[in-house]
Protein backbone atom coordinates (compact mmCIF):
# COMPACT_ATOMS: atom_id res chain seq x y z
CA UNK A 1 0.00 0.00 0.00
CA UNK A 2 1.39 3.40 -0.92
CA UNK A 3 0.09 6.97 -0.55
CA UNK A 4 1.70 10.23 -1.47
CA UNK A 5 4.12 11.60 1.13
CA UNK A 6 3.71 15.28 2.05
CA UNK A 7 6.74 17.55 2.36
CA UNK A 8 7.83 18.05 5.97
CA UNK A 9 11.10 19.93 6.11
CA UNK A 10 13.53 21.60 3.77
CA UNK A 11 15.73 19.28 1.76
CA UNK A 12 18.83 21.04 3.02
CA UNK A 13 18.04 20.00 6.57
CA UNK A 14 17.49 16.41 5.48
CA UNK A 15 20.75 16.28 3.57
CA UNK A 16 22.61 17.74 6.51
CA UNK A 17 21.26 15.07 8.83
CA UNK A 18 21.88 12.26 6.39
CA UNK A 19 25.38 13.35 5.50
CA UNK A 20 26.79 14.20 8.91
CA UNK A 21 26.76 11.47 11.54
CA UNK A 22 27.46 14.00 14.30
CA UNK A 23 24.32 16.03 13.56
CA UNK A 24 21.38 15.59 15.90
CA UNK A 25 17.98 14.92 14.32
CA UNK A 26 15.54 17.87 14.36
CA UNK A 27 13.74 18.87 17.55
CA UNK A 28 16.17 17.02 19.81
CA UNK A 29 19.05 18.01 22.07
CA UNK A 30 21.94 16.19 23.67
CA UNK A 31 20.92 14.47 26.89
CA UNK A 32 21.91 11.68 29.26
CA UNK A 33 20.21 8.73 30.88
CA UNK A 34 18.05 10.36 33.50
CA UNK A 35 16.94 7.10 35.12
CA UNK A 36 13.37 6.22 36.02
CA UNK A 37 10.57 8.72 36.67
CA UNK A 38 8.20 7.81 39.48
CA UNK A 39 5.33 9.80 37.98
CA UNK A 40 5.73 8.92 34.31
CA UNK A 41 6.96 6.21 31.98
CA UNK A 42 10.32 6.39 30.23
CA UNK A 43 10.66 4.89 26.76
CA UNK A 44 14.16 4.54 25.33
CA UNK A 45 14.50 4.13 21.54
CA UNK A 46 17.84 2.63 20.53
CA UNK A 47 19.23 2.91 16.99
CA UNK A 48 22.51 0.97 16.79
CA UNK A 49 24.28 1.41 13.49
CA UNK A 50 24.03 -1.41 10.95
CA UNK A 51 24.67 -2.05 7.27
CA UNK A 52 20.90 -1.89 6.64
CA UNK A 53 20.37 1.65 7.92
CA UNK A 54 18.40 4.04 5.69
CA UNK A 55 19.51 7.64 5.42
CA UNK A 56 17.86 10.47 7.30
CA UNK A 57 16.03 10.15 10.60
CA UNK A 58 12.70 8.92 11.96
CA UNK A 59 10.09 11.16 13.54
CA UNK A 60 8.22 9.30 16.31
CA UNK A 61 4.79 10.28 17.62
CA UNK A 62 1.71 8.77 19.22
CA UNK A 63 -1.31 8.37 16.98
CA UNK A 64 -3.28 10.74 19.22
CA UNK A 65 -0.85 13.60 18.60
CA UNK A 66 1.99 13.52 21.14
CA UNK A 67 5.49 14.24 19.81
CA UNK A 68 7.96 11.65 21.11
CA UNK A 69 11.11 12.76 19.35
CA UNK A 70 13.35 12.17 16.37
CA UNK A 71 15.97 9.43 16.22
CA UNK A 72 18.82 8.72 13.81
CA UNK A 73 21.52 6.10 13.48
CA UNK A 74 23.96 6.06 16.35
CA UNK A 75 21.57 7.78 18.78
CA UNK A 76 19.50 6.67 21.74
CA UNK A 77 16.35 8.71 22.38
CA UNK A 78 14.95 9.04 25.92
CA UNK A 79 11.29 10.08 25.96
CA UNK A 80 8.96 10.58 28.93
CA UNK A 81 5.24 9.84 28.55
CA UNK A 82 2.28 9.88 30.92
CA UNK A 83 1.08 6.39 31.90
CA UNK A 84 -1.48 4.95 29.51
CA UNK A 85 -2.03 3.06 26.27
CA UNK A 86 -0.54 4.38 23.03
CA UNK A 87 -0.11 3.53 19.37
CA UNK A 88 3.30 4.85 18.33
CA UNK A 89 4.26 5.39 14.70
CA UNK A 90 7.39 6.58 12.92
CA UNK A 91 8.27 7.95 9.50
CA UNK A 92 11.37 8.90 7.54
CA UNK A 93 10.82 11.71 5.04
CA UNK A 94 14.08 11.18 3.19
CA UNK A 95 13.19 7.54 2.59
CA UNK A 96 9.65 8.40 1.51
CA UNK A 97 10.80 11.12 -0.88
CA UNK A 98 13.11 8.60 -2.56
CA UNK A 99 10.27 6.09 -2.86
CA UNK A 100 7.68 8.66 -3.94
CA UNK A 101 5.18 7.87 -1.18
CA UNK A 102 4.41 6.12 2.10
CA UNK A 103 4.88 2.35 2.04
CA UNK A 104 3.70 0.46 5.12
CA UNK A 105 6.83 -1.73 5.29
CA UNK A 106 8.92 1.36 6.08
CA UNK A 107 6.50 2.80 8.65
CA UNK A 108 7.45 1.27 12.02
CA UNK A 109 4.62 0.86 14.52
CA UNK A 110 4.54 0.04 18.22
CA UNK A 111 1.77 -0.62 20.73
CA UNK A 112 2.56 0.56 24.26
CA UNK A 113 0.90 0.04 27.62
CA UNK A 114 2.95 2.21 29.95
CA UNK A 115 2.96 2.34 33.75
CA UNK A 116 4.25 5.13 35.98
CA UNK A 117 7.81 4.43 37.09
CA UNK A 118 8.42 1.98 34.27
CA UNK A 119 11.33 2.11 31.83
CA UNK A 120 10.89 0.45 28.43
CA UNK A 121 13.44 -0.20 25.72
CA UNK A 122 12.77 -0.33 21.98
CA UNK A 123 15.20 -1.16 19.17
CA UNK A 124 14.91 0.46 15.75
CA UNK A 125 15.33 -2.48 13.34
CA UNK A 126 16.03 -2.19 9.61
CA UNK A 127 16.04 -4.80 6.87
CA UNK A 128 14.75 -7.46 9.27
CA UNK A 129 10.96 -7.42 8.82
CA UNK A 130 8.68 -8.14 5.90
CA UNK A 131 5.03 -7.11 5.62
CA UNK A 132 3.89 -9.54 8.35
CA UNK A 133 6.90 -9.79 10.65
CA UNK A 134 10.56 -10.85 10.88
CA UNK A 135 12.08 -12.56 7.87
CA UNK A 136 15.51 -14.01 7.14
CA UNK A 137 17.09 -13.48 3.74
CA UNK A 138 20.48 -15.02 3.02
CA UNK A 139 22.88 -14.81 0.08
CA UNK A 140 23.09 -18.14 -1.69
CA UNK A 141 26.82 -18.01 -2.31
CA UNK A 142 28.08 -16.66 1.01
CA UNK A 143 25.29 -17.57 3.42
CA UNK A 144 25.41 -14.03 4.83
CA UNK A 145 22.21 -12.40 5.99
CA UNK A 146 20.92 -9.75 3.61
CA UNK A 147 18.82 -6.65 4.23
CA UNK A 148 15.15 -7.21 3.42
CA UNK A 149 14.08 -4.33 1.18
CA UNK A 150 10.70 -3.23 -0.06
CA UNK A 151 10.67 -3.70 -3.85
CA UNK A 152 14.43 -4.15 -3.61
CA UNK A 153 14.91 -0.45 -2.80
CA UNK A 154 14.33 0.78 0.75
CA UNK A 155 15.18 -1.38 3.78
CA UNK A 156 12.08 -2.22 5.78
CA UNK A 157 11.75 -0.84 9.30
CA UNK A 158 10.28 -1.89 12.63
CA UNK A 159 10.23 -0.95 16.30
CA UNK A 160 11.00 -4.02 18.38
CA UNK A 161 10.67 -4.37 22.15
CA UNK A 162 13.97 -4.96 23.97
CA UNK A 163 13.45 -7.20 27.00
CA UNK A 164 15.58 -9.66 29.00
CA UNK A 165 14.10 -12.45 26.86
CA UNK A 166 15.29 -10.96 23.53
CA UNK A 167 18.60 -11.89 21.97
CA UNK A 168 19.78 -8.28 21.73
CA UNK A 169 19.27 -7.56 25.44
CA UNK A 170 22.89 -8.47 26.09
CA UNK A 171 24.00 -5.68 23.74
CA UNK A 172 22.04 -3.01 25.62
CA UNK A 173 24.80 -2.06 28.12
CA UNK A 174 27.22 -1.44 25.26
CA UNK A 175 24.65 0.58 23.32
CA UNK A 176 23.80 2.66 26.39
CA UNK A 177 27.44 3.55 26.80
CA UNK A 178 28.37 4.03 23.13
CA UNK A 179 25.39 5.70 21.45
CA UNK A 180 24.68 9.44 21.68
CA UNK A 181 21.86 10.13 24.17
CA UNK A 182 19.27 12.63 22.97
CA UNK A 183 15.90 13.92 24.22
CA UNK A 184 13.00 15.72 22.50
CA UNK A 185 12.76 19.51 22.41
CA UNK A 186 9.41 21.12 23.37
CA UNK A 187 9.37 22.77 19.94
CA UNK A 188 8.76 19.34 18.44
CA UNK A 189 5.21 19.32 19.78
CA UNK A 190 4.47 22.66 18.18
CA UNK A 191 5.85 21.37 14.89
CA UNK A 192 3.63 18.29 15.10
CA UNK A 193 0.56 20.43 15.81
CA UNK A 194 1.18 22.15 12.50
CA UNK A 195 1.50 18.84 10.64
CA UNK A 196 -1.53 16.91 11.85
CA UNK A 197 -2.21 15.70 8.33
CA UNK A 198 1.24 14.11 8.17
CA UNK A 199 0.66 12.31 11.46
CA UNK A 200 -2.82 11.18 10.44
CA UNK A 201 -1.62 9.65 7.17
CA UNK A 202 1.20 7.73 8.86
CA UNK A 203 -0.95 6.66 11.80
CA UNK A 204 -3.46 5.15 9.36
CA UNK A 205 -0.73 3.29 7.48
CA UNK A 206 0.80 2.11 10.77
CA UNK A 207 -2.53 0.84 12.10
CA UNK A 208 -3.07 -1.14 8.93
CA UNK A 209 0.40 -2.61 9.13
CA UNK A 210 -0.01 -3.68 12.75
CA UNK A 211 -3.32 -5.35 11.92
CA UNK A 212 -1.60 -7.44 9.24
CA UNK A 213 1.29 -8.61 11.43
CA UNK A 214 1.56 -12.21 12.56
CA UNK A 215 0.81 -12.87 16.23
CA UNK A 216 4.50 -13.29 17.09
CA UNK A 217 5.34 -10.00 15.37
CA UNK A 218 2.58 -8.17 17.25
CA UNK A 219 4.10 -9.37 20.52
CA UNK A 220 7.51 -8.15 19.39
CA UNK A 221 6.02 -4.76 18.46
CA UNK A 222 4.40 -4.29 21.88
CA UNK A 223 5.78 -2.95 25.15
CA UNK A 224 3.89 -3.38 28.38
C-alpha atoms as a PDB file:
ATOM      1  CA  UNK A   1       0.000   0.000   0.000  1.00  0.00           C
ATOM      2  CA  UNK A   2       1.394   3.400  -0.921  1.00  0.00           C
ATOM      3  CA  UNK A   3       0.094   6.965  -0.552  1.00  0.00           C
ATOM      4  CA  UNK A   4       1.701  10.234  -1.471  1.00  0.00           C
ATOM      5  CA  UNK A   5       4.120  11.601   1.132  1.00  0.00           C
ATOM      6  CA  UNK A   6       3.709  15.280   2.046  1.00  0.00           C
ATOM      7  CA  UNK A   7       6.736  17.546   2.358  1.00  0.00           C
ATOM      8  CA  UNK A   8       7.832  18.049   5.970  1.00  0.00           C
ATOM      9  CA  UNK A   9      11.103  19.932   6.106  1.00  0.00           C
ATOM     10  CA  UNK A  10      13.534  21.604   3.773  1.00  0.00           C
ATOM     11  CA  UNK A  11      15.735  19.277   1.759  1.00  0.00           C
ATOM     12  CA  UNK A  12      18.830  21.044   3.016  1.00  0.00           C
ATOM     13  CA  UNK A  13      18.044  19.998   6.569  1.00  0.00           C
ATOM     14  CA  UNK A  14      17.492  16.407   5.482  1.00  0.00           C
ATOM     15  CA  UNK A  15      20.755  16.278   3.571  1.00  0.00           C
ATOM     16  CA  UNK A  16      22.607  17.737   6.506  1.00  0.00           C
ATOM     17  CA  UNK A  17      21.262  15.074   8.835  1.00  0.00           C
ATOM     18  CA  UNK A  18      21.875  12.255   6.385  1.00  0.00           C
ATOM     19  CA  UNK A  19      25.384  13.348   5.502  1.00  0.00           C
ATOM     20  CA  UNK A  20      26.788  14.202   8.914  1.00  0.00           C
ATOM     21  CA  UNK A  21      26.760  11.474  11.536  1.00  0.00           C
ATOM     22  CA  UNK A  22      27.460  13.999  14.300  1.00  0.00           C
ATOM     23  CA  UNK A  23      24.319  16.026  13.558  1.00  0.00           C
ATOM     24  CA  UNK A  24      21.385  15.591  15.896  1.00  0.00           C
ATOM     25  CA  UNK A  25      17.982  14.924  14.322  1.00  0.00           C
ATOM     26  CA  UNK A  26      15.535  17.870  14.355  1.00  0.00           C
ATOM     27  CA  UNK A  27      13.742  18.870  17.554  1.00  0.00           C
ATOM     28  CA  UNK A  28      16.173  17.023  19.815  1.00  0.00           C
ATOM     29  CA  UNK A  29      19.055  18.012  22.065  1.00  0.00           C
ATOM     30  CA  UNK A  30      21.940  16.187  23.671  1.00  0.00           C
ATOM     31  CA  UNK A  31      20.923  14.467  26.890  1.00  0.00           C
ATOM     32  CA  UNK A  32      21.905  11.680  29.257  1.00  0.00           C
ATOM     33  CA  UNK A  33      20.209   8.730  30.879  1.00  0.00           C
ATOM     34  CA  UNK A  34      18.052  10.364  33.505  1.00  0.00           C
ATOM     35  CA  UNK A  35      16.945   7.105  35.116  1.00  0.00           C
ATOM     36  CA  UNK A  36      13.373   6.222  36.017  1.00  0.00           C
ATOM     37  CA  UNK A  37      10.570   8.724  36.666  1.00  0.00           C
ATOM     38  CA  UNK A  38       8.202   7.811  39.478  1.00  0.00           C
ATOM     39  CA  UNK A  39       5.329   9.802  37.982  1.00  0.00           C
ATOM     40  CA  UNK A  40       5.733   8.916  34.314  1.00  0.00           C
ATOM     41  CA  UNK A  41       6.959   6.212  31.979  1.00  0.00           C
ATOM     42  CA  UNK A  42      10.321   6.391  30.234  1.00  0.00           C
ATOM     43  CA  UNK A  43      10.661   4.886  26.762  1.00  0.00           C
ATOM     44  CA  UNK A  44      14.158   4.543  25.331  1.00  0.00           C
ATOM     45  CA  UNK A  45      14.497   4.132  21.541  1.00  0.00           C
ATOM     46  CA  UNK A  46      17.839   2.628  20.533  1.00  0.00           C
ATOM     47  CA  UNK A  47      19.228   2.910  16.992  1.00  0.00           C
ATOM     48  CA  UNK A  48      22.511   0.972  16.793  1.00  0.00           C
ATOM     49  CA  UNK A  49      24.284   1.414  13.487  1.00  0.00           C
ATOM     50  CA  UNK A  50      24.031  -1.406  10.948  1.00  0.00           C
ATOM     51  CA  UNK A  51      24.672  -2.049   7.272  1.00  0.00           C
ATOM     52  CA  UNK A  52      20.901  -1.891   6.644  1.00  0.00           C
ATOM     53  CA  UNK A  53      20.367   1.652   7.922  1.00  0.00           C
ATOM     54  CA  UNK A  54      18.401   4.040   5.694  1.00  0.00           C
ATOM     55  CA  UNK A  55      19.510   7.639   5.419  1.00  0.00           C
ATOM     56  CA  UNK A  56      17.858  10.469   7.297  1.00  0.00           C
ATOM     57  CA  UNK A  57      16.026  10.149  10.596  1.00  0.00           C
ATOM     58  CA  UNK A  58      12.699   8.922  11.955  1.00  0.00           C
ATOM     59  CA  UNK A  59      10.094  11.155  13.544  1.00  0.00           C
ATOM     60  CA  UNK A  60       8.224   9.302  16.307  1.00  0.00           C
ATOM     61  CA  UNK A  61       4.786  10.278  17.621  1.00  0.00           C
ATOM     62  CA  UNK A  62       1.711   8.774  19.224  1.00  0.00           C
ATOM     63  CA  UNK A  63      -1.314   8.368  16.978  1.00  0.00           C
ATOM     64  CA  UNK A  64      -3.277  10.744  19.220  1.00  0.00           C
ATOM     65  CA  UNK A  65      -0.847  13.595  18.602  1.00  0.00           C
ATOM     66  CA  UNK A  66       1.993  13.516  21.136  1.00  0.00           C
ATOM     67  CA  UNK A  67       5.495  14.237  19.805  1.00  0.00           C
ATOM     68  CA  UNK A  68       7.957  11.646  21.111  1.00  0.00           C
ATOM     69  CA  UNK A  69      11.109  12.756  19.346  1.00  0.00           C
ATOM     70  CA  UNK A  70      13.352  12.169  16.369  1.00  0.00           C
ATOM     71  CA  UNK A  71      15.975   9.432  16.222  1.00  0.00           C
ATOM     72  CA  UNK A  72      18.819   8.723  13.814  1.00  0.00           C
ATOM     73  CA  UNK A  73      21.519   6.100  13.477  1.00  0.00           C
ATOM     74  CA  UNK A  74      23.959   6.056  16.353  1.00  0.00           C
ATOM     75  CA  UNK A  75      21.574   7.776  18.779  1.00  0.00           C
ATOM     76  CA  UNK A  76      19.496   6.665  21.744  1.00  0.00           C
ATOM     77  CA  UNK A  77      16.346   8.707  22.383  1.00  0.00           C
ATOM     78  CA  UNK A  78      14.954   9.037  25.916  1.00  0.00           C
ATOM     79  CA  UNK A  79      11.288  10.082  25.965  1.00  0.00           C
ATOM     80  CA  UNK A  80       8.965  10.581  28.927  1.00  0.00           C
ATOM     81  CA  UNK A  81       5.241   9.835  28.548  1.00  0.00           C
ATOM     82  CA  UNK A  82       2.283   9.876  30.923  1.00  0.00           C
ATOM     83  CA  UNK A  83       1.080   6.394  31.904  1.00  0.00           C
ATOM     84  CA  UNK A  84      -1.481   4.953  29.510  1.00  0.00           C
ATOM     85  CA  UNK A  85      -2.028   3.063  26.271  1.00  0.00           C
ATOM     86  CA  UNK A  86      -0.536   4.384  23.026  1.00  0.00           C
ATOM     87  CA  UNK A  87      -0.107   3.525  19.374  1.00  0.00           C
ATOM     88  CA  UNK A  88       3.300   4.854  18.327  1.00  0.00           C
ATOM     89  CA  UNK A  89       4.261   5.389  14.700  1.00  0.00           C
ATOM     90  CA  UNK A  90       7.387   6.580  12.919  1.00  0.00           C
ATOM     91  CA  UNK A  91       8.271   7.952   9.501  1.00  0.00           C
ATOM     92  CA  UNK A  92      11.367   8.901   7.539  1.00  0.00           C
ATOM     93  CA  UNK A  93      10.819  11.708   5.045  1.00  0.00           C
ATOM     94  CA  UNK A  94      14.082  11.179   3.192  1.00  0.00           C
ATOM     95  CA  UNK A  95      13.189   7.538   2.591  1.00  0.00           C
ATOM     96  CA  UNK A  96       9.652   8.404   1.510  1.00  0.00           C
ATOM     97  CA  UNK A  97      10.802  11.121  -0.882  1.00  0.00           C
ATOM     98  CA  UNK A  98      13.109   8.605  -2.556  1.00  0.00           C
ATOM     99  CA  UNK A  99      10.269   6.087  -2.861  1.00  0.00           C
ATOM    100  CA  UNK A 100       7.676   8.659  -3.940  1.00  0.00           C
ATOM    101  CA  UNK A 101       5.181   7.866  -1.181  1.00  0.00           C
ATOM    102  CA  UNK A 102       4.414   6.122   2.096  1.00  0.00           C
ATOM    103  CA  UNK A 103       4.876   2.346   2.044  1.00  0.00           C
ATOM    104  CA  UNK A 104       3.699   0.460   5.119  1.00  0.00           C
ATOM    105  CA  UNK A 105       6.826  -1.728   5.290  1.00  0.00           C
ATOM    106  CA  UNK A 106       8.917   1.356   6.078  1.00  0.00           C
ATOM    107  CA  UNK A 107       6.501   2.801   8.655  1.00  0.00           C
ATOM    108  CA  UNK A 108       7.448   1.272  12.024  1.00  0.00           C
ATOM    109  CA  UNK A 109       4.619   0.862  14.519  1.00  0.00           C
ATOM    110  CA  UNK A 110       4.540   0.035  18.221  1.00  0.00           C
ATOM    111  CA  UNK A 111       1.770  -0.625  20.726  1.00  0.00           C
ATOM    112  CA  UNK A 112       2.560   0.556  24.258  1.00  0.00           C
ATOM    113  CA  UNK A 113       0.904   0.042  27.622  1.00  0.00           C
ATOM    114  CA  UNK A 114       2.948   2.214  29.954  1.00  0.00           C
ATOM    115  CA  UNK A 115       2.961   2.342  33.749  1.00  0.00           C
ATOM    116  CA  UNK A 116       4.251   5.134  35.984  1.00  0.00           C
ATOM    117  CA  UNK A 117       7.813   4.430  37.093  1.00  0.00           C
ATOM    118  CA  UNK A 118       8.418   1.976  34.267  1.00  0.00           C
ATOM    119  CA  UNK A 119      11.326   2.111  31.829  1.00  0.00           C
ATOM    120  CA  UNK A 120      10.889   0.452  28.431  1.00  0.00           C
ATOM    121  CA  UNK A 121      13.444  -0.201  25.715  1.00  0.00           C
ATOM    122  CA  UNK A 122      12.768  -0.326  21.983  1.00  0.00           C
ATOM    123  CA  UNK A 123      15.200  -1.156  19.165  1.00  0.00           C
ATOM    124  CA  UNK A 124      14.910   0.457  15.750  1.00  0.00           C
ATOM    125  CA  UNK A 125      15.325  -2.479  13.336  1.00  0.00           C
ATOM    126  CA  UNK A 126      16.031  -2.193   9.605  1.00  0.00           C
ATOM    127  CA  UNK A 127      16.040  -4.801   6.872  1.00  0.00           C
ATOM    128  CA  UNK A 128      14.755  -7.456   9.275  1.00  0.00           C
ATOM    129  CA  UNK A 129      10.956  -7.416   8.819  1.00  0.00           C
ATOM    130  CA  UNK A 130       8.681  -8.136   5.904  1.00  0.00           C
ATOM    131  CA  UNK A 131       5.025  -7.110   5.620  1.00  0.00           C
ATOM    132  CA  UNK A 132       3.891  -9.537   8.347  1.00  0.00           C
ATOM    133  CA  UNK A 133       6.902  -9.794  10.650  1.00  0.00           C
ATOM    134  CA  UNK A 134      10.557 -10.845  10.881  1.00  0.00           C
ATOM    135  CA  UNK A 135      12.083 -12.558   7.872  1.00  0.00           C
ATOM    136  CA  UNK A 136      15.512 -14.007   7.142  1.00  0.00           C
ATOM    137  CA  UNK A 137      17.088 -13.475   3.738  1.00  0.00           C
ATOM    138  CA  UNK A 138      20.482 -15.024   3.018  1.00  0.00           C
ATOM    139  CA  UNK A 139      22.883 -14.806   0.081  1.00  0.00           C
ATOM    140  CA  UNK A 140      23.087 -18.142  -1.695  1.00  0.00           C
ATOM    141  CA  UNK A 141      26.822 -18.007  -2.312  1.00  0.00           C
ATOM    142  CA  UNK A 142      28.078 -16.656   1.008  1.00  0.00           C
ATOM    143  CA  UNK A 143      25.293 -17.569   3.417  1.00  0.00           C
ATOM    144  CA  UNK A 144      25.406 -14.025   4.831  1.00  0.00           C
ATOM    145  CA  UNK A 145      22.213 -12.400   5.986  1.00  0.00           C
ATOM    146  CA  UNK A 146      20.917  -9.745   3.614  1.00  0.00           C
ATOM    147  CA  UNK A 147      18.819  -6.649   4.226  1.00  0.00           C
ATOM    148  CA  UNK A 148      15.154  -7.206   3.421  1.00  0.00           C
ATOM    149  CA  UNK A 149      14.076  -4.331   1.181  1.00  0.00           C
ATOM    150  CA  UNK A 150      10.704  -3.227  -0.064  1.00  0.00           C
ATOM    151  CA  UNK A 151      10.670  -3.702  -3.849  1.00  0.00           C
ATOM    152  CA  UNK A 152      14.432  -4.154  -3.605  1.00  0.00           C
ATOM    153  CA  UNK A 153      14.914  -0.449  -2.804  1.00  0.00           C
ATOM    154  CA  UNK A 154      14.332   0.779   0.754  1.00  0.00           C
ATOM    155  CA  UNK A 155      15.175  -1.385   3.778  1.00  0.00           C
ATOM    156  CA  UNK A 156      12.078  -2.222   5.780  1.00  0.00           C
ATOM    157  CA  UNK A 157      11.754  -0.841   9.297  1.00  0.00           C
ATOM    158  CA  UNK A 158      10.282  -1.885  12.633  1.00  0.00           C
ATOM    159  CA  UNK A 159      10.235  -0.950  16.299  1.00  0.00           C
ATOM    160  CA  UNK A 160      11.004  -4.022  18.381  1.00  0.00           C
ATOM    161  CA  UNK A 161      10.674  -4.366  22.150  1.00  0.00           C
ATOM    162  CA  UNK A 162      13.967  -4.957  23.971  1.00  0.00           C
ATOM    163  CA  UNK A 163      13.452  -7.197  27.005  1.00  0.00           C
ATOM    164  CA  UNK A 164      15.576  -9.656  29.004  1.00  0.00           C
ATOM    165  CA  UNK A 165      14.102 -12.453  26.864  1.00  0.00           C
ATOM    166  CA  UNK A 166      15.289 -10.965  23.533  1.00  0.00           C
ATOM    167  CA  UNK A 167      18.604 -11.893  21.974  1.00  0.00           C
ATOM    168  CA  UNK A 168      19.777  -8.279  21.726  1.00  0.00           C
ATOM    169  CA  UNK A 169      19.265  -7.561  25.445  1.00  0.00           C
ATOM    170  CA  UNK A 170      22.891  -8.470  26.094  1.00  0.00           C
ATOM    171  CA  UNK A 171      24.003  -5.679  23.742  1.00  0.00           C
ATOM    172  CA  UNK A 172      22.043  -3.013  25.619  1.00  0.00           C
ATOM    173  CA  UNK A 173      24.802  -2.056  28.121  1.00  0.00           C
ATOM    174  CA  UNK A 174      27.217  -1.437  25.258  1.00  0.00           C
ATOM    175  CA  UNK A 175      24.654   0.583  23.321  1.00  0.00           C
ATOM    176  CA  UNK A 176      23.796   2.658  26.386  1.00  0.00           C
ATOM    177  CA  UNK A 177      27.444   3.555  26.799  1.00  0.00           C
ATOM    178  CA  UNK A 178      28.367   4.033  23.134  1.00  0.00           C
ATOM    179  CA  UNK A 179      25.394   5.703  21.455  1.00  0.00           C
ATOM    180  CA  UNK A 180      24.676   9.438  21.681  1.00  0.00           C
ATOM    181  CA  UNK A 181      21.864  10.128  24.173  1.00  0.00           C
ATOM    182  CA  UNK A 182      19.270  12.631  22.973  1.00  0.00           C
ATOM    183  CA  UNK A 183      15.896  13.922  24.217  1.00  0.00           C
ATOM    184  CA  UNK A 184      13.004  15.722  22.500  1.00  0.00           C
ATOM    185  CA  UNK A 185      12.759  19.509  22.405  1.00  0.00           C
ATOM    186  CA  UNK A 186       9.414  21.121  23.375  1.00  0.00           C
ATOM    187  CA  UNK A 187       9.368  22.773  19.938  1.00  0.00           C
ATOM    188  CA  UNK A 188       8.760  19.344  18.442  1.00  0.00           C
ATOM    189  CA  UNK A 189       5.206  19.317  19.784  1.00  0.00           C
ATOM    190  CA  UNK A 190       4.469  22.665  18.184  1.00  0.00           C
ATOM    191  CA  UNK A 191       5.854  21.366  14.887  1.00  0.00           C
ATOM    192  CA  UNK A 192       3.628  18.288  15.099  1.00  0.00           C
ATOM    193  CA  UNK A 193       0.558  20.425  15.806  1.00  0.00           C
ATOM    194  CA  UNK A 194       1.180  22.150  12.501  1.00  0.00           C
ATOM    195  CA  UNK A 195       1.503  18.839  10.645  1.00  0.00           C
ATOM    196  CA  UNK A 196      -1.532  16.907  11.853  1.00  0.00           C
ATOM    197  CA  UNK A 197      -2.211  15.696   8.328  1.00  0.00           C
ATOM    198  CA  UNK A 198       1.237  14.108   8.171  1.00  0.00           C
ATOM    199  CA  UNK A 199       0.662  12.308  11.456  1.00  0.00           C
ATOM    200  CA  UNK A 200      -2.818  11.176  10.442  1.00  0.00           C
ATOM    201  CA  UNK A 201      -1.620   9.649   7.174  1.00  0.00           C
ATOM    202  CA  UNK A 202       1.198   7.732   8.861  1.00  0.00           C
ATOM    203  CA  UNK A 203      -0.953   6.661  11.799  1.00  0.00           C
ATOM    204  CA  UNK A 204      -3.463   5.152   9.358  1.00  0.00           C
ATOM    205  CA  UNK A 205      -0.732   3.287   7.484  1.00  0.00           C
ATOM    206  CA  UNK A 206       0.801   2.107  10.767  1.00  0.00           C
ATOM    207  CA  UNK A 207      -2.526   0.839  12.103  1.00  0.00           C
ATOM    208  CA  UNK A 208      -3.069  -1.137   8.925  1.00  0.00           C
ATOM    209  CA  UNK A 209       0.396  -2.610   9.134  1.00  0.00           C
ATOM    210  CA  UNK A 210      -0.009  -3.675  12.755  1.00  0.00           C
ATOM    211  CA  UNK A 211      -3.319  -5.351  11.920  1.00  0.00           C
ATOM    212  CA  UNK A 212      -1.600  -7.445   9.243  1.00  0.00           C
ATOM    213  CA  UNK A 213       1.292  -8.606  11.425  1.00  0.00           C
ATOM    214  CA  UNK A 214       1.561 -12.211  12.564  1.00  0.00           C
ATOM    215  CA  UNK A 215       0.815 -12.873  16.230  1.00  0.00           C
ATOM    216  CA  UNK A 216       4.500 -13.288  17.095  1.00  0.00           C
ATOM    217  CA  UNK A 217       5.336  -9.997  15.366  1.00  0.00           C
ATOM    218  CA  UNK A 218       2.580  -8.173  17.254  1.00  0.00           C
ATOM    219  CA  UNK A 219       4.098  -9.367  20.521  1.00  0.00           C
ATOM    220  CA  UNK A 220       7.514  -8.150  19.394  1.00  0.00           C
ATOM    221  CA  UNK A 221       6.020  -4.765  18.456  1.00  0.00           C
ATOM    222  CA  UNK A 222       4.396  -4.285  21.877  1.00  0.00           C
ATOM    223  CA  UNK A 223       5.779  -2.951  25.145  1.00  0.00           C
ATOM    224  CA  UNK A 224       3.893  -3.376  28.382  1.00  0.00           C
END
